[in-house]
PDB file of N, CA and C in Angstrom:
ATOM      1  N   UNK A   1     118.653 121.740  88.112  1.00  0.00           N
ATOM      2  CA  UNK A   1     118.209 120.905  88.587  1.00  0.00           C
ATOM      3  C   UNK A   1     117.224 121.220  89.904  1.00  0.00           C
ATOM      4  N   UNK A   2     117.742 121.777  90.783  1.00  0.00           N
ATOM      5  CA  UNK A   2     116.732 122.205  92.021  1.00  0.00           C
ATOM      6  C   UNK A   2     115.567 122.558  91.561  1.00  0.00           C
ATOM      7  N   UNK A   3     115.195 123.355  90.679  1.00  0.00           N
ATOM      8  CA  UNK A   3     114.068 123.794  90.295  1.00  0.00           C
ATOM      9  C   UNK A   3     113.281 122.896  89.737  1.00  0.00           C
ATOM     10  N   UNK A   4     113.728 121.842  88.998  1.00  0.00           N
ATOM     11  CA  UNK A   4     112.985 120.636  88.365  1.00  0.00           C
ATOM     12  C   UNK A   4     112.549 119.858  89.754  1.00  0.00           C
ATOM     13  N   UNK A   5     113.244 119.573  90.696  1.00  0.00           N
ATOM     14  CA  UNK A   5     113.067 118.875  91.779  1.00  0.00           C
ATOM     15  C   UNK A   5     111.940 119.541  92.488  1.00  0.00           C
ATOM     16  N   UNK A   6     111.952 120.863  92.536  1.00  0.00           N
ATOM     17  CA  UNK A   6     110.912 121.614  93.546  1.00  0.00           C
ATOM     18  C   UNK A   6     109.665 121.450  92.719  1.00  0.00           C
ATOM     19  N   UNK A   7     109.836 121.598  91.568  1.00  0.00           N
ATOM     20  CA  UNK A   7     108.475 121.400  90.558  1.00  0.00           C
ATOM     21  C   UNK A   7     107.758 120.048  90.685  1.00  0.00           C
ATOM     22  N   UNK A   8     108.518 119.105  90.843  1.00  0.00           N
ATOM     23  CA  UNK A   8     108.236 117.713  91.020  1.00  0.00           C
ATOM     24  C   UNK A   8     107.431 117.863  92.740  1.00  0.00           C
ATOM     25  N   UNK A   9     108.199 118.278  93.415  1.00  0.00           N
ATOM     26  CA  UNK A   9     107.809 118.363  94.922  1.00  0.00           C
ATOM     27  C   UNK A   9     106.326 119.057  95.061  1.00  0.00           C
ATOM     28  N   UNK A  10     106.334 120.243  94.468  1.00  0.00           N
ATOM     29  CA  UNK A  10     104.843 121.024  94.437  1.00  0.00           C
ATOM     30  C   UNK A  10     103.953 120.149  93.848  1.00  0.00           C
ATOM     31  N   UNK A  11     104.166 119.675  92.825  1.00  0.00           N
ATOM     32  CA  UNK A  11     103.245 118.881  91.889  1.00  0.00           C
ATOM     33  C   UNK A  11     102.663 117.609  92.606  1.00  0.00           C
ATOM     34  N   UNK A  12     103.737 116.928  93.566  1.00  0.00           N
ATOM     35  CA  UNK A  12     103.126 115.920  94.183  1.00  0.00           C
ATOM     36  C   UNK A  12     102.438 116.364  95.399  1.00  0.00           C
ATOM     37  N   UNK A  13     102.712 117.508  96.126  1.00  0.00           N
ATOM     38  CA  UNK A  13     101.866 117.992  97.090  1.00  0.00           C
ATOM     39  C   UNK A  13     100.551 118.340  96.409  1.00  0.00           C
ATOM     40  N   UNK A  14     100.415 119.237  95.420  1.00  0.00           N
ATOM     41  CA  UNK A  14      99.053 119.614  94.815  1.00  0.00           C
ATOM     42  C   UNK A  14      98.055 118.294  94.319  1.00  0.00           C
ATOM     43  N   UNK A  15      98.895 117.252  93.799  1.00  0.00           N
ATOM     44  CA  UNK A  15      98.003 116.109  93.498  1.00  0.00           C
ATOM     45  C   UNK A  15      97.520 115.378  94.819  1.00  0.00           C
ATOM     46  N   UNK A  16      98.321 115.627  95.831  1.00  0.00           N
ATOM     47  CA  UNK A  16      97.747 114.765  96.941  1.00  0.00           C
ATOM     48  C   UNK A  16      96.406 115.549  97.588  1.00  0.00           C
ATOM     49  N   UNK A  17      96.633 117.080  97.383  1.00  0.00           N
ATOM     50  CA  UNK A  17      95.726 117.862  97.843  1.00  0.00           C
ATOM     51  C   UNK A  17      94.426 117.631  97.127  1.00  0.00           C
ATOM     52  N   UNK A  18      94.587 117.426  95.934  1.00  0.00           N
ATOM     53  CA  UNK A  18      93.446 117.606  94.956  1.00  0.00           C
ATOM     54  C   UNK A  18      92.726 116.080  95.467  1.00  0.00           C
ATOM     55  N   UNK A  19      93.425 115.047  95.167  1.00  0.00           N
ATOM     56  CA  UNK A  19      92.743 113.814  95.661  1.00  0.00           C
ATOM     57  C   UNK A  19      92.339 113.431  97.023  1.00  0.00           C
ATOM     58  N   UNK A  20      93.047 114.448  97.902  1.00  0.00           N
ATOM     59  CA  UNK A  20      92.466 114.340  99.295  1.00  0.00           C
ATOM     60  C   UNK A  20      91.040 115.115  99.381  1.00  0.00           C
ATOM     61  N   UNK A  21      90.993 116.088  98.532  1.00  0.00           N
ATOM     62  CA  UNK A  21      89.812 116.935  98.828  1.00  0.00           C
ATOM     63  C   UNK A  21      88.680 116.705  97.717  1.00  0.00           C
ATOM     64  N   UNK A  22      88.646 115.620  96.880  1.00  0.00           N
ATOM     65  CA  UNK A  22      87.581 115.216  95.913  1.00  0.00           C
ATOM     66  C   UNK A  22      86.617 114.685  96.492  1.00  0.00           C
ATOM     67  N   UNK A  23      85.305 114.809  96.251  1.00  0.00           N
ATOM     68  CA  UNK A  23      84.135 114.088  96.908  1.00  0.00           C
ATOM     69  C   UNK A  23      84.493 112.624  96.892  1.00  0.00           C
ATOM     70  N   UNK A  24      83.822 111.770  97.681  1.00  0.00           N
ATOM     71  CA  UNK A  24      83.952 110.406  97.834  1.00  0.00           C
ATOM     72  C   UNK A  24      83.683 109.846  96.639  1.00  0.00           C
ATOM     73  N   UNK A  25      82.771 109.950  95.968  1.00  0.00           N
ATOM     74  CA  UNK A  25      82.265 109.299  94.722  1.00  0.00           C
ATOM     75  C   UNK A  25      83.277 109.818  93.520  1.00  0.00           C
ATOM     76  N   UNK A  26      83.871 110.684  93.691  1.00  0.00           N
ATOM     77  CA  UNK A  26      84.852 111.168  92.446  1.00  0.00           C
ATOM     78  C   UNK A  26      86.276 110.628  92.785  1.00  0.00           C
ATOM     79  N   UNK A  27      86.776 110.357  93.738  1.00  0.00           N
ATOM     80  CA  UNK A  27      87.894 109.863  94.124  1.00  0.00           C
ATOM     81  C   UNK A  27      88.409 108.496  93.364  1.00  0.00           C
ATOM     82  N   UNK A  28      89.445 108.626  92.600  1.00  0.00           N
ATOM     83  CA  UNK A  28      89.900 107.374  92.155  1.00  0.00           C
ATOM     84  C   UNK A  28      90.273 106.389  93.179  1.00  0.00           C
ATOM     85  N   UNK A  29      90.176 105.033  92.593  1.00  0.00           N
ATOM     86  CA  UNK A  29      90.708 103.750  93.593  1.00  0.00           C
ATOM     87  C   UNK A  29      91.628 103.146  92.914  1.00  0.00           C
ATOM     88  N   UNK A  30      92.667 102.627  93.724  1.00  0.00           N
ATOM     89  CA  UNK A  30      93.751 101.808  93.151  1.00  0.00           C
ATOM     90  C   UNK A  30      93.672 100.375  93.292  1.00  0.00           C
ATOM     91  N   UNK A  31      92.858 100.072  94.131  1.00  0.00           N
ATOM     92  CA  UNK A  31      92.524  98.630  94.515  1.00  0.00           C
ATOM     93  C   UNK A  31      93.527  98.342  95.808  1.00  0.00           C
ATOM     94  N   UNK A  32      94.388  99.107  96.270  1.00  0.00           N
ATOM     95  CA  UNK A  32      95.244  99.136  97.286  1.00  0.00           C
ATOM     96  C   UNK A  32      94.691  99.538  98.548  1.00  0.00           C
ATOM     97  N   UNK A  33      94.891  99.283  99.805  1.00  0.00           N
ATOM     98  CA  UNK A  33      94.252  99.817 101.096  1.00  0.00           C
ATOM     99  C   UNK A  33      94.564 101.271 100.890  1.00  0.00           C
ATOM    100  N   UNK A  34      93.589 101.815 101.570  1.00  0.00           N
ATOM    101  CA  UNK A  34      93.966 103.519 101.881  1.00  0.00           C
ATOM    102  C   UNK A  34      95.233 103.821 102.606  1.00  0.00           C
ATOM    103  N   UNK A  35      95.572 103.133 103.476  1.00  0.00           N
ATOM    104  CA  UNK A  35      96.745 103.590 104.127  1.00  0.00           C
ATOM    105  C   UNK A  35      97.931 103.021 103.416  1.00  0.00           C
ATOM    106  N   UNK A  36      97.942 102.068 102.580  1.00  0.00           N
ATOM    107  CA  UNK A  36      98.935 101.783 101.497  1.00  0.00           C
ATOM    108  C   UNK A  36      99.054 103.074 100.819  1.00  0.00           C
ATOM    109  N   UNK A  37      98.128 103.750 100.048  1.00  0.00           N
ATOM    110  CA  UNK A  37      98.063 104.642  99.337  1.00  0.00           C
ATOM    111  C   UNK A  37      98.464 105.991  99.915  1.00  0.00           C
ATOM    112  N   UNK A  38      98.239 106.089 101.204  1.00  0.00           N
ATOM    113  CA  UNK A  38      98.774 107.333 101.921  1.00  0.00           C
ATOM    114  C   UNK A  38     100.117 107.151 102.210  1.00  0.00           C
ATOM    115  N   UNK A  39     100.837 106.116 102.631  1.00  0.00           N
ATOM    116  CA  UNK A  39     102.105 105.747 102.665  1.00  0.00           C
ATOM    117  C   UNK A  39     102.717 106.035 101.535  1.00  0.00           C
ATOM    118  N   UNK A  40     102.284 105.405 100.421  1.00  0.00           N
ATOM    119  CA  UNK A  40     103.002 105.648  98.999  1.00  0.00           C
ATOM    120  C   UNK A  40     103.296 107.296  98.600  1.00  0.00           C
ATOM    121  N   UNK A  41     101.964 107.688  98.789  1.00  0.00           N
ATOM    122  CA  UNK A  41     101.851 109.007  98.353  1.00  0.00           C
ATOM    123  C   UNK A  41     102.640 110.171  98.941  1.00  0.00           C
ATOM    124  N   UNK A  42     102.621 109.880 100.282  1.00  0.00           N
ATOM    125  CA  UNK A  42     103.534 110.827 101.212  1.00  0.00           C
ATOM    126  C   UNK A  42     104.814 110.498 101.278  1.00  0.00           C
ATOM    127  N   UNK A  43     105.222 109.130 101.062  1.00  0.00           N
ATOM    128  CA  UNK A  43     106.745 108.704 100.965  1.00  0.00           C
ATOM    129  C   UNK A  43     107.336 109.440  99.700  1.00  0.00           C
ATOM    130  N   UNK A  44     106.572 109.136  98.367  1.00  0.00           N
ATOM    131  CA  UNK A  44     107.041 110.101  97.372  1.00  0.00           C
ATOM    132  C   UNK A  44     107.163 111.422  97.304  1.00  0.00           C
ATOM    133  N   UNK A  45     106.231 112.048  97.888  1.00  0.00           N
ATOM    134  CA  UNK A  45     106.113 113.548  97.921  1.00  0.00           C
ATOM    135  C   UNK A  45     107.323 114.081  98.860  1.00  0.00           C
ATOM    136  N   UNK A  46     107.418 113.468 100.085  1.00  0.00           N
ATOM    137  CA  UNK A  46     108.454 114.049 101.086  1.00  0.00           C
ATOM    138  C   UNK A  46     109.705 113.701 100.471  1.00  0.00           C
ATOM    139  N   UNK A  47     110.076 112.576  99.826  1.00  0.00           N
ATOM    140  CA  UNK A  47     111.234 112.292  99.084  1.00  0.00           C
ATOM    141  C   UNK A  47     111.588 113.712  98.038  1.00  0.00           C
ATOM    142  N   UNK A  48     110.740 113.972  97.466  1.00  0.00           N
ATOM    143  CA  UNK A  48     111.105 115.042  96.539  1.00  0.00           C
ATOM    144  C   UNK A  48     111.118 116.328  97.330  1.00  0.00           C
ATOM    145  N   UNK A  49     110.466 116.638  98.458  1.00  0.00           N
ATOM    146  CA  UNK A  49     110.282 117.674  99.174  1.00  0.00           C
ATOM    147  C   UNK A  49     111.872 117.794  99.771  1.00  0.00           C
ATOM    148  N   UNK A  50     112.409 116.734 100.590  1.00  0.00           N
ATOM    149  CA  UNK A  50     113.700 116.816 101.160  1.00  0.00           C
ATOM    150  C   UNK A  50     114.641 117.119 100.042  1.00  0.00           C
ATOM    151  N   UNK A  51     114.637 116.197  99.011  1.00  0.00           N
ATOM    152  CA  UNK A  51     115.809 116.542  98.040  1.00  0.00           C
ATOM    153  C   UNK A  51     115.673 118.000  97.348  1.00  0.00           C
ATOM    154  N   UNK A  52     114.568 118.696  97.273  1.00  0.00           N
ATOM    155  CA  UNK A  52     114.331 120.231  96.780  1.00  0.00           C
ATOM    156  C   UNK A  52     114.936 121.236  97.911  1.00  0.00           C
ATOM    157  N   UNK A  53     114.793 120.782  99.167  1.00  0.00           N
ATOM    158  CA  UNK A  53     115.110 121.548 100.190  1.00  0.00           C
ATOM    159  C   UNK A  53     116.069 120.881 101.291  1.00  0.00           C
ATOM    160  N   UNK A  54     117.215 120.555 100.765  1.00  0.00           N
ATOM    161  CA  UNK A  54     118.092 119.599 101.585  1.00  0.00           C
ATOM    162  C   UNK A  54     118.383 120.507 102.772  1.00  0.00           C
ATOM    163  N   UNK A  55     118.370 121.788 103.036  1.00  0.00           N
ATOM    164  CA  UNK A  55     118.996 122.371 104.170  1.00  0.00           C
ATOM    165  C   UNK A  55     118.065 122.259 105.382  1.00  0.00           C
ATOM    166  N   UNK A  56     116.662 121.699 105.170  1.00  0.00           N
ATOM    167  CA  UNK A  56     115.611 121.583 105.983  1.00  0.00           C
ATOM    168  C   UNK A  56     116.092 120.176 106.737  1.00  0.00           C
ATOM    169  N   UNK A  57     116.448 119.975 107.893  1.00  0.00           N
ATOM    170  CA  UNK A  57     116.726 118.823 108.559  1.00  0.00           C
ATOM    171  C   UNK A  57     115.553 117.822 108.419  1.00  0.00           C
ATOM    172  N   UNK A  58     115.972 116.599 108.928  1.00  0.00           N
ATOM    173  CA  UNK A  58     114.935 115.423 108.928  1.00  0.00           C
ATOM    174  C   UNK A  58     113.597 115.746 109.575  1.00  0.00           C
ATOM    175  N   UNK A  59     113.721 116.110 110.934  1.00  0.00           N
ATOM    176  CA  UNK A  59     112.555 116.222 111.602  1.00  0.00           C
ATOM    177  C   UNK A  59     111.662 117.266 111.302  1.00  0.00           C
ATOM    178  N   UNK A  60     112.428 118.532 110.882  1.00  0.00           N
ATOM    179  CA  UNK A  60     111.242 119.733 110.426  1.00  0.00           C
ATOM    180  C   UNK A  60     110.571 119.398 109.348  1.00  0.00           C
ATOM    181  N   UNK A  61     111.210 118.332 108.430  1.00  0.00           N
ATOM    182  CA  UNK A  61     110.594 118.055 107.065  1.00  0.00           C
ATOM    183  C   UNK A  61     109.444 117.251 107.387  1.00  0.00           C
ATOM    184  N   UNK A  62     109.685 116.209 108.345  1.00  0.00           N
ATOM    185  CA  UNK A  62     108.757 115.072 108.759  1.00  0.00           C
ATOM    186  C   UNK A  62     107.714 115.847 109.408  1.00  0.00           C
ATOM    187  N   UNK A  63     107.667 116.754 110.275  1.00  0.00           N
ATOM    188  CA  UNK A  63     106.535 117.604 110.866  1.00  0.00           C
ATOM    189  C   UNK A  63     105.848 118.458 110.063  1.00  0.00           C
ATOM    190  N   UNK A  64     106.682 119.018 108.948  1.00  0.00           N
ATOM    191  CA  UNK A  64     105.816 119.736 108.183  1.00  0.00           C
ATOM    192  C   UNK A  64     104.794 118.907 107.447  1.00  0.00           C
ATOM    193  N   UNK A  65     105.332 117.856 106.909  1.00  0.00           N
ATOM    194  CA  UNK A  65     104.242 116.974 106.027  1.00  0.00           C
ATOM    195  C   UNK A  65     103.313 116.368 107.197  1.00  0.00           C
ATOM    196  N   UNK A  66     103.621 115.984 108.149  1.00  0.00           N
ATOM    197  CA  UNK A  66     102.636 115.605 109.394  1.00  0.00           C
ATOM    198  C   UNK A  66     101.541 116.617 109.653  1.00  0.00           C
ATOM    199  N   UNK A  67     101.911 118.024 109.368  1.00  0.00           N
ATOM    200  CA  UNK A  67     100.859 119.168 109.657  1.00  0.00           C
ATOM    201  C   UNK A  67     100.046 119.080 108.267  1.00  0.00           C
ATOM    202  N   UNK A  68     100.824 119.048 107.326  1.00  0.00           N
ATOM    203  CA  UNK A  68     100.092 119.005 105.913  1.00  0.00           C
ATOM    204  C   UNK A  68      98.940 117.747 105.777  1.00  0.00           C
ATOM    205  N   UNK A  69      99.563 116.630 106.078  1.00  0.00           N
ATOM    206  CA  UNK A  69      98.323 115.667 105.830  1.00  0.00           C
ATOM    207  C   UNK A  69      97.494 115.661 106.944  1.00  0.00           C
ATOM    208  N   UNK A  70      97.693 116.143 108.445  1.00  0.00           N
ATOM    209  CA  UNK A  70      96.581 116.378 109.155  1.00  0.00           C
ATOM    210  C   UNK A  70      95.689 117.571 108.630  1.00  0.00           C
ATOM    211  N   UNK A  71      96.246 118.465 108.289  1.00  0.00           N
ATOM    212  CA  UNK A  71      95.154 119.571 107.499  1.00  0.00           C
ATOM    213  C   UNK A  71      94.361 119.073 106.409  1.00  0.00           C
ATOM    214  N   UNK A  72      94.713 118.175 105.704  1.00  0.00           N
ATOM    215  CA  UNK A  72      94.037 117.651 104.412  1.00  0.00           C
ATOM    216  C   UNK A  72      93.148 116.638 105.284  1.00  0.00           C
ATOM    217  N   UNK A  73      93.444 115.963 106.152  1.00  0.00           N
ATOM    218  CA  UNK A  73      92.420 115.182 106.836  1.00  0.00           C
ATOM    219  C   UNK A  73      91.421 115.661 107.359  1.00  0.00           C
ATOM    220  N   UNK A  74      91.588 116.932 108.064  1.00  0.00           N
ATOM    221  CA  UNK A  74      90.760 117.647 108.770  1.00  0.00           C
ATOM    222  C   UNK A  74      89.748 118.387 107.725  1.00  0.00           C
ATOM    223  N   UNK A  75      90.272 118.878 106.585  1.00  0.00           N
ATOM    224  CA  UNK A  75      89.412 119.325 105.439  1.00  0.00           C
ATOM    225  C   UNK A  75      88.501 118.563 104.967  1.00  0.00           C
ATOM    226  N   UNK A  76      88.560 117.087 105.120  1.00  0.00           N
ATOM    227  CA  UNK A  76      87.639 116.287 104.637  1.00  0.00           C
ATOM    228  C   UNK A  76      86.217 116.311 105.300  1.00  0.00           C
ATOM    229  N   UNK A  77      86.344 116.904 106.542  1.00  0.00           N
ATOM    230  CA  UNK A  77      84.932 116.982 107.081  1.00  0.00           C
ATOM    231  C   UNK A  77      84.163 117.953 106.443  1.00  0.00           C
ATOM    232  N   UNK A  78      84.596 118.723 105.555  1.00  0.00           N
ATOM    233  CA  UNK A  78      83.963 119.540 104.673  1.00  0.00           C
ATOM    234  C   UNK A  78      83.392 118.918 103.269  1.00  0.00           C
ATOM    235  N   UNK A  79      83.865 117.645 103.020  1.00  0.00           N
ATOM    236  CA  UNK A  79      83.788 117.154 101.655  1.00  0.00           C
ATOM    237  C   UNK A  79      82.961 115.993 101.892  1.00  0.00           C
ATOM    238  N   UNK A  80      81.851 116.151 100.787  1.00  0.00           N
ATOM    239  CA  UNK A  80      80.580 115.172 100.829  1.00  0.00           C
ATOM    240  C   UNK A  80      81.361 113.575 100.644  1.00  0.00           C
ATOM    241  N   UNK A  81      81.002 112.843 101.485  1.00  0.00           N
ATOM    242  CA  UNK A  81      81.455 111.333 101.013  1.00  0.00           C
ATOM    243  C   UNK A  81      82.803 111.129 101.677  1.00  0.00           C
ATOM    244  N   UNK A  82      83.348 112.076 102.186  1.00  0.00           N
ATOM    245  CA  UNK A  82      84.700 111.849 103.063  1.00  0.00           C
ATOM    246  C   UNK A  82      84.682 112.096 104.391  1.00  0.00           C
ATOM    247  N   UNK A  83      85.800 111.657 105.109  1.00  0.00           N
ATOM    248  CA  UNK A  83      85.763 112.085 106.702  1.00  0.00           C
ATOM    249  C   UNK A  83      87.199 111.730 106.904  1.00  0.00           C
ATOM    250  N   UNK A  84      87.721 112.494 108.082  1.00  0.00           N
ATOM    251  CA  UNK A  84      88.890 112.297 108.287  1.00  0.00           C
ATOM    252  C   UNK A  84      89.028 111.024 109.255  1.00  0.00           C
ATOM    253  N   UNK A  85      90.284 110.474 109.007  1.00  0.00           N
ATOM    254  CA  UNK A  85      90.491 109.200 109.589  1.00  0.00           C
ATOM    255  C   UNK A  85      92.057 109.264 110.178  1.00  0.00           C
ATOM    256  N   UNK A  86      92.063 108.887 111.484  1.00  0.00           N
ATOM    257  CA  UNK A  86      93.412 108.865 112.357  1.00  0.00           C
ATOM    258  C   UNK A  86      94.399 107.996 111.814  1.00  0.00           C
ATOM    259  N   UNK A  87      93.884 106.676 111.168  1.00  0.00           N
ATOM    260  CA  UNK A  87      94.716 105.788 110.681  1.00  0.00           C
ATOM    261  C   UNK A  87      95.334 106.305 109.448  1.00  0.00           C
ATOM    262  N   UNK A  88      94.683 107.229 108.505  1.00  0.00           N
ATOM    263  CA  UNK A  88      95.225 107.684 107.468  1.00  0.00           C
ATOM    264  C   UNK A  88      96.293 108.723 107.560  1.00  0.00           C
ATOM    265  N   UNK A  89      96.185 109.448 108.736  1.00  0.00           N
ATOM    266  CA  UNK A  89      96.778 110.410 109.090  1.00  0.00           C
ATOM    267  C   UNK A  89      98.250 110.042 109.515  1.00  0.00           C
ATOM    268  N   UNK A  90      98.171 108.797 110.255  1.00  0.00           N
ATOM    269  CA  UNK A  90      99.462 108.189 110.783  1.00  0.00           C
ATOM    270  C   UNK A  90     100.088 107.483 109.691  1.00  0.00           C
ATOM    271  N   UNK A  91      99.231 107.021 108.531  1.00  0.00           N
ATOM    272  CA  UNK A  91     100.030 106.339 107.555  1.00  0.00           C
ATOM    273  C   UNK A  91     100.793 107.358 106.816  1.00  0.00           C
ATOM    274  N   UNK A  92     100.248 108.398 106.536  1.00  0.00           N
ATOM    275  CA  UNK A  92     100.784 109.557 105.879  1.00  0.00           C
ATOM    276  C   UNK A  92     101.917 109.870 106.449  1.00  0.00           C
ATOM    277  N   UNK A  93     102.029 110.084 107.720  1.00  0.00           N
ATOM    278  CA  UNK A  93     103.225 110.416 108.561  1.00  0.00           C
ATOM    279  C   UNK A  93     104.410 109.430 108.490  1.00  0.00           C
ATOM    280  N   UNK A  94     103.844 108.178 108.583  1.00  0.00           N
ATOM    281  CA  UNK A  94     104.933 107.019 108.480  1.00  0.00           C
ATOM    282  C   UNK A  94     105.534 107.248 106.860  1.00  0.00           C
ATOM    283  N   UNK A  95     104.537 107.361 105.836  1.00  0.00           N
ATOM    284  CA  UNK A  95     105.206 107.567 104.463  1.00  0.00           C
ATOM    285  C   UNK A  95     106.239 108.794 104.448  1.00  0.00           C
ATOM    286  N   UNK A  96     105.695 109.952 105.177  1.00  0.00           N
ATOM    287  CA  UNK A  96     106.641 110.788 105.082  1.00  0.00           C
ATOM    288  C   UNK A  96     107.991 110.624 105.755  1.00  0.00           C
ATOM    289  N   UNK A  97     108.006 109.938 106.710  1.00  0.00           N
ATOM    290  CA  UNK A  97     109.118 109.547 107.623  1.00  0.00           C
ATOM    291  C   UNK A  97     110.070 108.575 106.536  1.00  0.00           C
ATOM    292  N   UNK A  98     109.531 107.938 105.754  1.00  0.00           N
ATOM    293  CA  UNK A  98     110.291 106.790 104.937  1.00  0.00           C
ATOM    294  C   UNK A  98     110.756 107.701 103.947  1.00  0.00           C
ATOM    295  N   UNK A  99     110.013 108.407 103.237  1.00  0.00           N
ATOM    296  CA  UNK A  99     110.592 109.252 102.197  1.00  0.00           C
ATOM    297  C   UNK A  99     111.417 110.338 102.456  1.00  0.00           C
ATOM    298  N   UNK A 100     111.362 110.796 103.676  1.00  0.00           N
ATOM    299  CA  UNK A 100     112.631 111.684 103.955  1.00  0.00           C
ATOM    300  C   UNK A 100     113.843 111.058 104.457  1.00  0.00           C
ATOM    301  N   UNK A 101     113.621 109.812 105.030  1.00  0.00           N
ATOM    302  CA  UNK A 101     114.857 109.005 105.418  1.00  0.00           C
ATOM    303  C   UNK A 101     115.642 108.422 104.032  1.00  0.00           C
ATOM    304  N   UNK A 102     114.681 108.158 103.032  1.00  0.00           N
ATOM    305  CA  UNK A 102     115.385 107.607 101.842  1.00  0.00           C
ATOM    306  C   UNK A 102     116.134 108.906 101.136  1.00  0.00           C
ATOM    307  N   UNK A 103     115.730 110.168 101.228  1.00  0.00           N
ATOM    308  CA  UNK A 103     116.103 111.314 100.384  1.00  0.00           C
ATOM    309  C   UNK A 103     117.152 111.574 101.428  1.00  0.00           C
ATOM    310  N   UNK A 104     117.403 111.708 102.687  1.00  0.00           N
ATOM    311  CA  UNK A 104     118.239 111.821 103.492  1.00  0.00           C
ATOM    312  C   UNK A 104     119.549 110.957 103.367  1.00  0.00           C
ATOM    313  N   UNK A 105     119.183 109.708 103.165  1.00  0.00           N
ATOM    314  CA  UNK A 105     120.373 108.719 102.779  1.00  0.00           C
ATOM    315  C   UNK A 105     121.074 109.161 101.510  1.00  0.00           C
ATOM    316  N   UNK A 106     120.190 109.430 100.389  1.00  0.00           N
ATOM    317  CA  UNK A 106     120.704 109.630  99.116  1.00  0.00           C
ATOM    318  C   UNK A 106     121.462 111.065  99.146  1.00  0.00           C
ATOM    319  N   UNK A 107     121.182 111.755  99.844  1.00  0.00           N
ATOM    320  CA  UNK A 107     121.977 113.181 100.170  1.00  0.00           C
ATOM    321  C   UNK A 107     123.378 112.782 100.714  1.00  0.00           C
ATOM    322  N   UNK A 108     123.139 111.951 101.668  1.00  0.00           N
ATOM    323  CA  UNK A 108     124.615 111.738 102.173  1.00  0.00           C
ATOM    324  C   UNK A 108     125.418 110.843 101.464  1.00  0.00           C
ATOM    325  N   UNK A 109     124.973 110.182 100.346  1.00  0.00           N
ATOM    326  CA  UNK A 109     125.894 109.285  99.503  1.00  0.00           C
ATOM    327  C   UNK A 109     126.442 110.371  98.613  1.00  0.00           C
ATOM    328  N   UNK A 110     125.712 111.460  98.285  1.00  0.00           N
ATOM    329  CA  UNK A 110     126.230 112.260  97.160  1.00  0.00           C
ATOM    330  C   UNK A 110     127.367 113.082  97.861  1.00  0.00           C
ATOM    331  N   UNK A 111     127.480 113.364  98.902  1.00  0.00           N
ATOM    332  CA  UNK A 111     128.464 114.279  99.670  1.00  0.00           C
ATOM    333  C   UNK A 111     129.806 113.592  99.571  1.00  0.00           C
TER     334      UNK A 111
END
């Protein structure tokens, strides 16, 4: 089960990285706001990261995702038609905190 969860977590992170680093004209659009997309993507990814590595406590998990989202935003300086945005970074971090809290709660229920 743990291997399956880790595969999902890594797949989510890879999907976020690919979508974050696509040139602006190739990036798919959902119709939702960019910040909502960031919250949803990082909530889902962090949920599976936390379930996959439950021994890593809440804040280190959120800080890790904060760093990943920040790095991806900064890499957008190098991508045509893209640019880093502070509000997207903060939305990603909020999503990470939500996903981590949901997984943390679920793990506590299972004990």
